[in-house]
Amino acid sequence: MKKDTEAPYKFESLSEFHRVLGLPKPVHPLISLVYNTDGKIRIPHSSCKQFILPFYKISYKPNLKGKFRYGQHYYDFEEGGLFFLAPNQLTGTSDENLDFSGFTLFVHPDLLLNYPLAKKIKQYNFFSYAATEVLHLSDQEKEVVLNMARLIDDELNSRIDRLSQDVLISQLELFLNYAYRFYQRQFLTRKAVNNDLLQKMEDLLDVYFDKKNSANRGLPTVQYLADQLHLSPHYLSDMLRSLTGLNAQQHIHLKLIDKAKELLSTTNLSISQVAYELSFEHPQSFSTLFKTKTSLSPQEFRKSFN
């Protein structure tokens, strides 16, 4: 019985979510913008401490008290930040108060049906970033975010006509494009921190491929690297792409090919042995990847090198 009471509560609709939080009914069944001036919205049922929302959630918090630690460094802005959550993800709070200071925008996926944004929104990786990978905003960016929220709120509270949904979708897409731009800025302004993470990732890969039992571990995954660096996989890939133009998987392949070239040029190991040393279960998979990345088979590379 205890497990049942502690199970995450799954909301079925935006209207139900508003009702449970004691909010007025949403003016639109598929999108709502909630402002909270006192900083607390009370969840009346203890069973809602952890819950699953069937819609996208974008939260702006104006006061991020205390700096989020990032390795040995700290985030660069404290004026405010944006948090993103994709549908059907577990969320919640450790007490009966949810901090919705600022505003929170809820968007049901059904709102986007028959619009290009229904597919494009899945390409915004920040919806799957960890909570500690919040988008911190400069003063200028904060004004843009607040203006976008006001535009959406004004449209929601205007008279509905045949263009209302088109306008809302356009405003939402513009909002997300700004968020994407601001994240790119954040990657750049934290270049020193991110370069440190890049070096740590390179060291992790070196150690991984140098271990004698690496063949029994399989190839390193993006999830493995992200876990070791305490990042979400998407954030890691997006951060690396901003620095080097390559995502995390491409970095793994690059390191693997470098190690393969080293073994092919400095040892007498057979192609199969090289593949095994590099954690490949099947030598043919190694040969295929090597030729894809270098335009040469492992044997051709060895001959050309000699």
C-alpha atoms as a PDB file:
ATOM      1  CA  MET A   1       0.000   0.000   0.000  1.00  0.00           C
ATOM      2  CA  LYS A   2       2.885   2.360   0.737  1.00  0.00           C
ATOM      3  CA  LYS A   3       4.218   2.010  -2.783  1.00  0.00           C
ATOM      4  CA  ASP A   4       0.846   3.027  -4.201  1.00  0.00           C
ATOM      5  CA  THR A   5       0.746   6.268  -2.185  1.00  0.00           C
ATOM      6  CA  GLU A   6       4.320   7.109  -3.193  1.00  0.00           C
ATOM      7  CA  ALA A   7       3.838   6.372  -6.883  1.00  0.00           C
ATOM      8  CA  PRO A   8       4.132   9.435  -9.161  1.00  0.00           C
ATOM      9  CA  TYR A   9       0.811  11.088  -9.886  1.00  0.00           C
ATOM     10  CA  LYS A  10       0.091  11.338 -13.608  1.00  0.00           C
ATOM     11  CA  PHE A  11      -1.965  14.329 -14.688  1.00  0.00           C
ATOM     12  CA  GLU A  12      -4.255  13.709 -17.630  1.00  0.00           C
ATOM     13  CA  SER A  13      -4.920  17.275 -18.741  1.00  0.00           C
ATOM     14  CA  LEU A  14      -3.994  20.896 -18.292  1.00  0.00           C
ATOM     15  CA  SER A  15      -7.395  21.560 -16.715  1.00  0.00           C
ATOM     16  CA  GLU A  16      -6.775  18.894 -14.083  1.00  0.00           C
ATOM     17  CA  PHE A  17      -3.352  20.355 -13.310  1.00  0.00           C
ATOM     18  CA  HIS A  18      -4.861  23.814 -12.810  1.00  0.00           C
ATOM     19  CA  ARG A  19      -7.586  22.375 -10.598  1.00  0.00           C
ATOM     20  CA  VAL A  20      -5.152  20.463  -8.354  1.00  0.00           C
ATOM     21  CA  LEU A  21      -2.975  23.570  -7.943  1.00  0.00           C
ATOM     22  CA  GLY A  22      -6.011  25.654  -7.084  1.00  0.00           C
ATOM     23  CA  LEU A  23      -5.617  27.840 -10.162  1.00  0.00           C
ATOM     24  CA  PRO A  24      -8.403  29.318 -12.300  1.00  0.00           C
ATOM     25  CA  LYS A  25      -9.422  27.246 -15.295  1.00  0.00           C
ATOM     26  CA  PRO A  26      -7.034  27.683 -18.227  1.00  0.00           C
ATOM     27  CA  VAL A  27      -8.404  29.996 -20.908  1.00  0.00           C
ATOM     28  CA  HIS A  28      -7.193  27.468 -23.499  1.00  0.00           C
ATOM     29  CA  PRO A  29      -7.333  23.683 -22.937  1.00  0.00           C
ATOM     30  CA  LEU A  30      -3.899  23.071 -24.500  1.00  0.00           C
ATOM     31  CA  ILE A  31      -1.743  26.006 -23.399  1.00  0.00           C
ATOM     32  CA  SER A  32      -1.547  28.184 -20.297  1.00  0.00           C
ATOM     33  CA  LEU A  33       0.777  30.727 -18.785  1.00  0.00           C
ATOM     34  CA  VAL A  34       0.867  30.856 -14.993  1.00  0.00           C
ATOM     35  CA  TYR A  35       2.299  33.847 -13.151  1.00  0.00           C
ATOM     36  CA  ASN A  36       3.048  33.514  -9.465  1.00  0.00           C
ATOM     37  CA  THR A  37       3.896  36.687  -7.623  1.00  0.00           C
ATOM     38  CA  ASP A  38       4.416  35.253  -4.132  1.00  0.00           C
ATOM     39  CA  GLY A  39       6.690  32.475  -5.351  1.00  0.00           C
ATOM     40  CA  LYS A  40       4.731  29.490  -4.053  1.00  0.00           C
ATOM     41  CA  ILE A  41       1.931  27.384  -5.465  1.00  0.00           C
ATOM     42  CA  ARG A  42       0.676  24.847  -2.954  1.00  0.00           C
ATOM     43  CA  ILE A  43       0.158  21.214  -3.892  1.00  0.00           C
ATOM     44  CA  PRO A  44      -2.653  20.031  -1.600  1.00  0.00           C
ATOM     45  CA  HIS A  45      -2.074  16.281  -1.936  1.00  0.00           C
ATOM     46  CA  SER A  46       1.085  14.589  -0.650  1.00  0.00           C
ATOM     47  CA  SER A  47       0.715  12.069  -3.479  1.00  0.00           C
ATOM     48  CA  CYS A  48       1.597  14.871  -5.908  1.00  0.00           C
ATOM     49  CA  LYS A  49       5.099  15.393  -4.579  1.00  0.00           C
ATOM     50  CA  GLN A  50       6.258  13.500  -7.648  1.00  0.00           C
ATOM     51  CA  PHE A  51       4.229  13.677 -10.803  1.00  0.00           C
ATOM     52  CA  ILE A  52       4.225  13.279 -14.543  1.00  0.00           C
ATOM     53  CA  LEU A  53       2.967  16.050 -16.815  1.00  0.00           C
ATOM     54  CA  PRO A  54       1.667  15.266 -20.322  1.00  0.00           C
ATOM     55  CA  PHE A  55       2.806  18.636 -21.670  1.00  0.00           C
ATOM     56  CA  TYR A  56       5.902  20.748 -22.266  1.00  0.00           C
ATOM     57  CA  LYS A  57       6.870  22.947 -19.364  1.00  0.00           C
ATOM     58  CA  ILE A  58       8.960  26.132 -19.588  1.00  0.00           C
ATOM     59  CA  SER A  59       9.635  27.859 -16.269  1.00  0.00           C
ATOM     60  CA  TYR A  60      11.253  31.229 -15.699  1.00  0.00           C
ATOM     61  CA  LYS A  61      12.617  31.849 -12.211  1.00  0.00           C
ATOM     62  CA  PRO A  62      13.759  35.435 -11.567  1.00  0.00           C
ATOM     63  CA  ASN A  63      15.753  34.708  -8.421  1.00  0.00           C
ATOM     64  CA  LEU A  64      18.219  31.843  -8.501  1.00  0.00           C
ATOM     65  CA  LYS A  65      19.592  32.243  -5.010  1.00  0.00           C
ATOM     66  CA  GLY A  66      22.964  30.631  -4.522  1.00  0.00           C
ATOM     67  CA  LYS A  67      25.211  29.696  -7.394  1.00  0.00           C
ATOM     68  CA  PHE A  68      24.910  26.360  -9.128  1.00  0.00           C
ATOM     69  CA  ARG A  69      28.250  24.593  -8.966  1.00  0.00           C
ATOM     70  CA  TYR A  70      29.641  23.352 -12.265  1.00  0.00           C
ATOM     71  CA  GLY A  71      32.712  21.248 -11.539  1.00  0.00           C
ATOM     72  CA  GLN A  72      35.080  23.720  -9.872  1.00  0.00           C
ATOM     73  CA  HIS A  73      33.253  26.668 -11.436  1.00  0.00           C
ATOM     74  CA  TYR A  74      29.946  28.470 -11.063  1.00  0.00           C
ATOM     75  CA  TYR A  75      27.261  29.744 -13.379  1.00  0.00           C
ATOM     76  CA  ASP A  76      27.830  33.212 -14.731  1.00  0.00           C
ATOM     77  CA  PHE A  77      24.381  34.823 -14.311  1.00  0.00           C
ATOM     78  CA  GLU A  78      22.187  34.945 -11.237  1.00  0.00           C
ATOM     79  CA  GLU A  79      19.504  37.352 -12.475  1.00  0.00           C
ATOM     80  CA  GLY A  80      17.180  34.602 -13.649  1.00  0.00           C
ATOM     81  CA  GLY A  81      16.958  31.377 -15.551  1.00  0.00           C
ATOM     82  CA  LEU A  82      14.820  29.170 -17.762  1.00  0.00           C
ATOM     83  CA  PHE A  83      14.051  25.515 -17.075  1.00  0.00           C
ATOM     84  CA  PHE A  84      12.626  23.176 -19.709  1.00  0.00           C
ATOM     85  CA  LEU A  85      10.822  19.866 -19.348  1.00  0.00           C
ATOM     86  CA  ALA A  86       9.511  17.532 -22.057  1.00  0.00           C
ATOM     87  CA  PRO A  87       6.150  15.736 -21.707  1.00  0.00           C
ATOM     88  CA  ASN A  88       5.862  12.575 -19.612  1.00  0.00           C
ATOM     89  CA  GLN A  89       9.000  13.231 -17.572  1.00  0.00           C
ATOM     90  CA  LEU A  90       9.058  12.685 -13.831  1.00  0.00           C
ATOM     91  CA  THR A  91       9.160  15.916 -11.883  1.00  0.00           C
ATOM     92  CA  GLY A  92       8.159  17.073  -8.440  1.00  0.00           C
ATOM     93  CA  THR A  93       9.257  18.653  -5.200  1.00  0.00           C
ATOM     94  CA  SER A  94      10.608  17.575  -1.842  1.00  0.00           C
ATOM     95  CA  ASP A  95       7.870  19.404   0.047  1.00  0.00           C
ATOM     96  CA  GLU A  96       4.311  20.561  -0.540  1.00  0.00           C
ATOM     97  CA  ASN A  97       5.294  23.823  -2.188  1.00  0.00           C
ATOM     98  CA  LEU A  98       6.279  24.125  -5.812  1.00  0.00           C
ATOM     99  CA  ASP A  99       8.386  27.135  -6.639  1.00  0.00           C
ATOM    100  CA  PHE A 100       6.744  28.726  -9.683  1.00  0.00           C
ATOM    101  CA  SER A 101       8.110  32.202  -8.997  1.00  0.00           C
ATOM    102  CA  GLY A 102       8.199  34.157 -12.211  1.00  0.00           C
ATOM    103  CA  PHE A 103       6.060  32.298 -14.712  1.00  0.00           C
ATOM    104  CA  THR A 104       5.545  28.836 -16.135  1.00  0.00           C
ATOM    105  CA  LEU A 105       4.305  28.088 -19.631  1.00  0.00           C
ATOM    106  CA  PHE A 106       2.546  24.766 -20.220  1.00  0.00           C
ATOM    107  CA  VAL A 107       2.054  23.509 -23.777  1.00  0.00           C
ATOM    108  CA  HIS A 108       0.238  20.298 -24.633  1.00  0.00           C
ATOM    109  CA  PRO A 109       1.691  18.499 -27.706  1.00  0.00           C
ATOM    110  CA  ASP A 110      -1.780  18.385 -29.250  1.00  0.00           C
ATOM    111  CA  LEU A 111      -1.628  22.166 -29.682  1.00  0.00           C
ATOM    112  CA  LEU A 112       1.136  21.645 -32.246  1.00  0.00           C
ATOM    113  CA  LEU A 113      -0.577  18.999 -34.354  1.00  0.00           C
ATOM    114  CA  ASN A 114      -0.571  19.806 -38.084  1.00  0.00           C
ATOM    115  CA  TYR A 115       2.118  22.457 -37.541  1.00  0.00           C
ATOM    116  CA  PRO A 116       5.828  22.042 -38.451  1.00  0.00           C
ATOM    117  CA  LEU A 117       6.652  22.902 -34.835  1.00  0.00           C
ATOM    118  CA  ALA A 118       5.235  19.510 -33.735  1.00  0.00           C
ATOM    119  CA  LYS A 119       8.318  17.890 -35.276  1.00  0.00           C
ATOM    120  CA  LYS A 120      10.773  20.734 -34.761  1.00  0.00           C
ATOM    121  CA  ILE A 121      10.165  21.020 -31.005  1.00  0.00           C
ATOM    122  CA  LYS A 122      11.701  17.571 -30.540  1.00  0.00           C
ATOM    123  CA  GLN A 123      14.953  18.950 -31.952  1.00  0.00           C
ATOM    124  CA  TYR A 124      15.309  21.424 -29.078  1.00  0.00           C
ATOM    125  CA  ASN A 125      17.525  19.250 -26.887  1.00  0.00           C
ATOM    126  CA  PHE A 126      17.230  21.585 -23.898  1.00  0.00           C
ATOM    127  CA  PHE A 127      13.890  19.961 -23.067  1.00  0.00           C
ATOM    128  CA  SER A 128      15.928  16.958 -21.915  1.00  0.00           C
ATOM    129  CA  TYR A 129      18.701  18.837 -20.098  1.00  0.00           C
ATOM    130  CA  ALA A 130      19.167  18.214 -16.383  1.00  0.00           C
ATOM    131  CA  ALA A 131      17.804  20.757 -13.881  1.00  0.00           C
ATOM    132  CA  THR A 132      21.363  21.899 -13.091  1.00  0.00           C
ATOM    133  CA  GLU A 133      21.838  22.775 -16.784  1.00  0.00           C
ATOM    134  CA  VAL A 134      19.458  25.697 -16.471  1.00  0.00           C
ATOM    135  CA  LEU A 135      19.669  28.496 -19.014  1.00  0.00           C
ATOM    136  CA  HIS A 136      20.977  31.516 -17.089  1.00  0.00           C
ATOM    137  CA  LEU A 137      19.967  34.843 -18.557  1.00  0.00           C
ATOM    138  CA  SER A 138      21.689  38.181 -18.882  1.00  0.00           C
ATOM    139  CA  ASP A 139      19.612  41.295 -18.146  1.00  0.00           C
ATOM    140  CA  GLN A 140      18.978  41.826 -21.853  1.00  0.00           C
ATOM    141  CA  GLU A 141      17.969  38.205 -22.386  1.00  0.00           C
ATOM    142  CA  LYS A 142      15.691  38.385 -19.368  1.00  0.00           C
ATOM    143  CA  GLU A 143      13.805  41.299 -20.940  1.00  0.00           C
ATOM    144  CA  VAL A 144      13.354  39.321 -24.159  1.00  0.00           C
ATOM    145  CA  VAL A 145      11.961  36.355 -22.205  1.00  0.00           C
ATOM    146  CA  LEU A 146       9.571  38.522 -20.202  1.00  0.00           C
ATOM    147  CA  ASN A 147       8.384  40.286 -23.359  1.00  0.00           C
ATOM    148  CA  MET A 148       7.728  36.952 -25.057  1.00  0.00           C
ATOM    149  CA  ALA A 149       5.710  35.803 -22.046  1.00  0.00           C
ATOM    150  CA  ARG A 150       3.659  39.013 -22.154  1.00  0.00           C
ATOM    151  CA  LEU A 151       2.930  38.544 -25.846  1.00  0.00           C
ATOM    152  CA  ILE A 152       1.740  34.978 -25.291  1.00  0.00           C
ATOM    153  CA  ASP A 153      -0.308  35.996 -22.281  1.00  0.00           C
ATOM    154  CA  ASP A 154      -1.936  38.871 -24.208  1.00  0.00           C
ATOM    155  CA  GLU A 155      -2.814  36.540 -27.072  1.00  0.00           C
ATOM    156  CA  LEU A 156      -4.286  33.942 -24.706  1.00  0.00           C
ATOM    157  CA  ASN A 157      -6.496  36.575 -23.116  1.00  0.00           C
ATOM    158  CA  SER A 158      -7.571  38.187 -26.365  1.00  0.00           C
ATOM    159  CA  ARG A 159     -10.733  37.368 -28.269  1.00  0.00           C
ATOM    160  CA  ILE A 160     -10.347  34.013 -30.020  1.00  0.00           C
ATOM    161  CA  ASP A 161     -10.521  34.068 -33.817  1.00  0.00           C
ATOM    162  CA  ARG A 162      -9.415  31.777 -36.649  1.00  0.00           C
ATOM    163  CA  LEU A 163      -5.832  33.074 -36.456  1.00  0.00           C
ATOM    164  CA  SER A 164      -5.413  32.739 -32.696  1.00  0.00           C
ATOM    165  CA  GLN A 165      -3.714  29.348 -32.812  1.00  0.00           C
ATOM    166  CA  ASP A 166      -1.437  30.369 -35.683  1.00  0.00           C
ATOM    167  CA  VAL A 167      -0.288  33.397 -33.705  1.00  0.00           C
ATOM    168  CA  LEU A 168       0.285  31.344 -30.536  1.00  0.00           C
ATOM    169  CA  ILE A 169       2.325  28.751 -32.418  1.00  0.00           C
ATOM    170  CA  SER A 170       4.427  31.484 -34.038  1.00  0.00           C
ATOM    171  CA  GLN A 171       5.061  33.145 -30.685  1.00  0.00           C
ATOM    172  CA  LEU A 172       6.002  29.837 -29.088  1.00  0.00           C
ATOM    173  CA  GLU A 173       8.431  29.000 -31.881  1.00  0.00           C
ATOM    174  CA  LEU A 174      10.029  32.441 -31.588  1.00  0.00           C
ATOM    175  CA  PHE A 175      10.359  31.907 -27.830  1.00  0.00           C
ATOM    176  CA  LEU A 176      12.102  28.558 -28.379  1.00  0.00           C
ATOM    177  CA  ASN A 177      14.410  30.026 -31.014  1.00  0.00           C
ATOM    178  CA  TYR A 178      15.474  32.717 -28.557  1.00  0.00           C
ATOM    179  CA  ALA A 179      16.098  30.028 -25.940  1.00  0.00           C
ATOM    180  CA  TYR A 180      18.249  28.110 -28.423  1.00  0.00           C
ATOM    181  CA  ARG A 181      20.213  31.282 -29.230  1.00  0.00           C
ATOM    182  CA  PHE A 182      20.739  32.061 -25.551  1.00  0.00           C
ATOM    183  CA  TYR A 183      22.005  28.540 -24.874  1.00  0.00           C
ATOM    184  CA  GLN A 184      24.534  28.982 -27.696  1.00  0.00           C
ATOM    185  CA  ARG A 185      25.657  32.181 -25.998  1.00  0.00           C
ATOM    186  CA  GLN A 186      25.923  30.333 -22.695  1.00  0.00           C
ATOM    187  CA  PHE A 187      28.184  27.711 -24.259  1.00  0.00           C
ATOM    188  CA  LEU A 188      30.425  30.497 -25.575  1.00  0.00           C
ATOM    189  CA  THR A 189      30.585  32.522 -22.355  1.00  0.00           C
ATOM    190  CA  ARG A 190      31.539  29.368 -20.476  1.00  0.00           C
ATOM    191  CA  LYS A 191      34.190  28.404 -22.957  1.00  0.00           C
ATOM    192  CA  ALA A 192      36.909  28.065 -20.314  1.00  0.00           C
ATOM    193  CA  VAL A 193      34.728  25.768 -18.223  1.00  0.00           C
ATOM    194  CA  ASN A 194      33.657  23.785 -21.268  1.00  0.00           C
ATOM    195  CA  ASN A 195      37.229  23.405 -22.489  1.00  0.00           C
ATOM    196  CA  ASP A 196      38.020  21.908 -19.114  1.00  0.00           C
ATOM    197  CA  LEU A 197      35.145  19.459 -19.567  1.00  0.00           C
ATOM    198  CA  LEU A 198      36.390  18.656 -23.062  1.00  0.00           C
ATOM    199  CA  GLN A 199      39.820  17.785 -21.662  1.00  0.00           C
ATOM    200  CA  LYS A 200      38.252  15.627 -18.967  1.00  0.00           C
ATOM    201  CA  MET A 201      36.248  13.790 -21.598  1.00  0.00           C
ATOM    202  CA  GLU A 202      39.403  13.208 -23.688  1.00  0.00           C
ATOM    203  CA  ASP A 203      41.133  11.827 -20.582  1.00  0.00           C
ATOM    204  CA  LEU A 204      38.174   9.543 -19.896  1.00  0.00           C
ATOM    205  CA  LEU A 205      38.362   8.146 -23.410  1.00  0.00           C
ATOM    206  CA  ASP A 206      42.124   7.672 -23.172  1.00  0.00           C
ATOM    207  CA  VAL A 207      41.757   5.728 -19.936  1.00  0.00           C
ATOM    208  CA  TYR A 208      38.833   3.733 -21.313  1.00  0.00           C
ATOM    209  CA  PHE A 209      40.679   2.561 -24.426  1.00  0.00           C
ATOM    210  CA  ASP A 210      43.942   1.974 -22.556  1.00  0.00           C
ATOM    211  CA  LYS A 211      42.413  -0.392 -20.028  1.00  0.00           C
ATOM    212  CA  LYS A 212      43.333  -4.015 -20.626  1.00  0.00           C
ATOM    213  CA  ASN A 213      39.780  -5.198 -20.054  1.00  0.00           C
ATOM    214  CA  SER A 214      38.212  -2.626 -22.380  1.00  0.00           C
ATOM    215  CA  ALA A 215      37.255  -5.366 -24.820  1.00  0.00           C
ATOM    216  CA  ASN A 216      34.931  -6.835 -22.204  1.00  0.00           C
ATOM    217  CA  ARG A 217      33.256  -3.474 -21.591  1.00  0.00           C
ATOM    218  CA  GLY A 218      32.127  -2.697 -25.109  1.00  0.00           C
ATOM    219  CA  LEU A 219      32.479   0.656 -26.804  1.00  0.00           C
ATOM    220  CA  PRO A 220      32.055   3.761 -24.617  1.00  0.00           C
ATOM    221  CA  THR A 221      28.674   5.409 -24.960  1.00  0.00           C
ATOM    222  CA  VAL A 222      27.556   9.033 -24.792  1.00  0.00           C
ATOM    223  CA  GLN A 223      25.565   8.115 -21.672  1.00  0.00           C
ATOM    224  CA  TYR A 224      28.732   6.748 -20.029  1.00  0.00           C
ATOM    225  CA  LEU A 225      30.667   9.966 -20.706  1.00  0.00           C
ATOM    226  CA  ALA A 226      27.767  12.145 -19.574  1.00  0.00           C
ATOM    227  CA  ASP A 227      27.463  10.191 -16.318  1.00  0.00           C
ATOM    228  CA  GLN A 228      31.173  10.538 -15.631  1.00  0.00           C
ATOM    229  CA  LEU A 229      31.032  14.294 -16.257  1.00  0.00           C
ATOM    230  CA  HIS A 230      27.737  14.752 -14.360  1.00  0.00           C
ATOM    231  CA  LEU A 231      25.936  16.124 -17.394  1.00  0.00           C
ATOM    232  CA  SER A 232      22.921  15.061 -19.417  1.00  0.00           C
ATOM    233  CA  PRO A 233      23.801  13.384 -22.747  1.00  0.00           C
ATOM    234  CA  HIS A 234      22.112  16.068 -24.852  1.00  0.00           C
ATOM    235  CA  TYR A 235      23.779  18.914 -22.973  1.00  0.00           C
ATOM    236  CA  LEU A 236      27.168  17.241 -23.403  1.00  0.00           C
ATOM    237  CA  SER A 237      26.667  16.836 -27.154  1.00  0.00           C
ATOM    238  CA  ASP A 238      25.355  20.369 -27.634  1.00  0.00           C
ATOM    239  CA  MET A 239      28.200  21.831 -25.582  1.00  0.00           C
ATOM    240  CA  LEU A 240      30.797  19.877 -27.580  1.00  0.00           C
ATOM    241  CA  ARG A 241      29.204  20.872 -30.876  1.00  0.00           C
ATOM    242  CA  SER A 242      29.436  24.538 -29.914  1.00  0.00           C
ATOM    243  CA  LEU A 243      33.153  24.133 -29.115  1.00  0.00           C
ATOM    244  CA  THR A 244      34.369  21.771 -31.815  1.00  0.00           C
ATOM    245  CA  GLY A 245      31.593  21.267 -34.346  1.00  0.00           C
ATOM    246  CA  LEU A 246      31.373  17.598 -33.312  1.00  0.00           C
ATOM    247  CA  ASN A 247      28.861  15.943 -31.010  1.00  0.00           C
ATOM    248  CA  ALA A 248      29.770  13.434 -28.292  1.00  0.00           C
ATOM    249  CA  GLN A 249      29.342  10.369 -30.503  1.00  0.00           C
ATOM    250  CA  GLN A 250      31.613  11.879 -33.131  1.00  0.00           C
ATOM    251  CA  HIS A 251      34.235  12.571 -30.455  1.00  0.00           C
ATOM    252  CA  ILE A 252      34.101   8.930 -29.389  1.00  0.00           C
ATOM    253  CA  HIS A 253      34.624   7.843 -32.994  1.00  0.00           C
ATOM    254  CA  LEU A 254      37.462  10.340 -33.464  1.00  0.00           C
ATOM    255  CA  LYS A 255      39.289   9.046 -30.396  1.00  0.00           C
ATOM    256  CA  LEU A 256      38.653   5.465 -31.460  1.00  0.00           C
ATOM    257  CA  ILE A 257      40.106   6.064 -34.931  1.00  0.00           C
ATOM    258  CA  ASP A 258      43.165   7.776 -33.421  1.00  0.00           C
ATOM    259  CA  LYS A 259      43.746   4.762 -31.180  1.00  0.00           C
ATOM    260  CA  ALA A 260      43.220   2.427 -34.115  1.00  0.00           C
ATOM    261  CA  LYS A 261      45.781   4.287 -36.207  1.00  0.00           C
ATOM    262  CA  GLU A 262      48.239   4.096 -33.326  1.00  0.00           C
ATOM    263  CA  LEU A 263      47.809   0.323 -32.975  1.00  0.00           C
ATOM    264  CA  LEU A 264      47.919  -0.274 -36.726  1.00  0.00           C
ATOM    265  CA  SER A 265      51.106   1.754 -37.161  1.00  0.00           C
ATOM    266  CA  THR A 266      53.092   0.748 -34.063  1.00  0.00           C
ATOM    267  CA  THR A 267      52.177  -2.894 -33.425  1.00  0.00           C
ATOM    268  CA  ASN A 268      52.004  -6.169 -35.309  1.00  0.00           C
ATOM    269  CA  LEU A 269      48.534  -6.976 -34.010  1.00  0.00           C
ATOM    270  CA  SER A 270      46.175  -8.452 -36.570  1.00  0.00           C
ATOM    271  CA  ILE A 271      43.141  -6.438 -37.662  1.00  0.00           C
ATOM    272  CA  SER A 272      40.944  -8.687 -35.520  1.00  0.00           C
ATOM    273  CA  GLN A 273      43.205  -8.159 -32.500  1.00  0.00           C
ATOM    274  CA  VAL A 274      43.136  -4.395 -33.001  1.00  0.00           C
ATOM    275  CA  ALA A 275      39.350  -4.508 -33.169  1.00  0.00           C
ATOM    276  CA  TYR A 276      39.246  -6.534 -29.950  1.00  0.00           C
ATOM    277  CA  GLU A 277      41.636  -4.136 -28.201  1.00  0.00           C
ATOM    278  CA  LEU A 278      39.286  -1.283 -29.121  1.00  0.00           C
ATOM    279  CA  SER A 279      36.236  -3.010 -27.590  1.00  0.00           C
ATOM    280  CA  PHE A 280      34.658  -4.194 -30.839  1.00  0.00           C
ATOM    281  CA  GLU A 281      32.834  -7.495 -30.616  1.00  0.00           C
ATOM    282  CA  HIS A 282      33.031  -8.072 -34.375  1.00  0.00           C
ATOM    283  CA  PRO A 283      36.149  -7.129 -36.437  1.00  0.00           C
ATOM    284  CA  GLN A 284      33.975  -6.379 -39.448  1.00  0.00           C
ATOM    285  CA  SER A 285      32.204  -3.605 -37.524  1.00  0.00           C
ATOM    286  CA  PHE A 286      35.568  -2.048 -36.742  1.00  0.00           C
ATOM    287  CA  SER A 287      36.727  -2.292 -40.373  1.00  0.00           C
ATOM    288  CA  THR A 288      33.494  -0.716 -41.615  1.00  0.00           C
ATOM    289  CA  LEU A 289      33.728   2.217 -39.201  1.00  0.00           C
ATOM    290  CA  PHE A 290      37.421   2.746 -39.904  1.00  0.00           C
ATOM    291  CA  LYS A 291      36.847   2.870 -43.661  1.00  0.00           C
ATOM    292  CA  THR A 292      33.870   5.207 -43.227  1.00  0.00           C
ATOM    293  CA  LYS A 293      35.974   7.661 -41.226  1.00  0.00           C
ATOM    294  CA  THR A 294      39.266   7.410 -43.163  1.00  0.00           C
ATOM    295  CA  SER A 295      38.287   6.175 -46.663  1.00  0.00           C
ATOM    296  CA  LEU A 296      40.783   3.355 -46.135  1.00  0.00           C
ATOM    297  CA  SER A 297      40.377  -0.138 -44.741  1.00  0.00           C
ATOM    298  CA  PRO A 298      42.566  -0.930 -41.705  1.00  0.00           C
ATOM    299  CA  GLN A 299      44.771  -3.099 -43.924  1.00  0.00           C
ATOM    300  CA  GLU A 300      45.091  -0.363 -46.543  1.00  0.00           C
ATOM    301  CA  PHE A 301      46.009   2.171 -43.855  1.00  0.00           C
ATOM    302  CA  ARG A 302      48.692  -0.131 -42.473  1.00  0.00           C
ATOM    303  CA  LYS A 303      50.187  -0.663 -45.936  1.00  0.00           C
ATOM    304  CA  SER A 304      50.123   3.028 -46.804  1.00  0.00           C
ATOM    305  CA  PHE A 305      51.724   3.916 -43.500  1.00  0.00           C
ATOM    306  CA  ASN A 306      54.514   1.401 -43.986  1.00  0.00           C
END
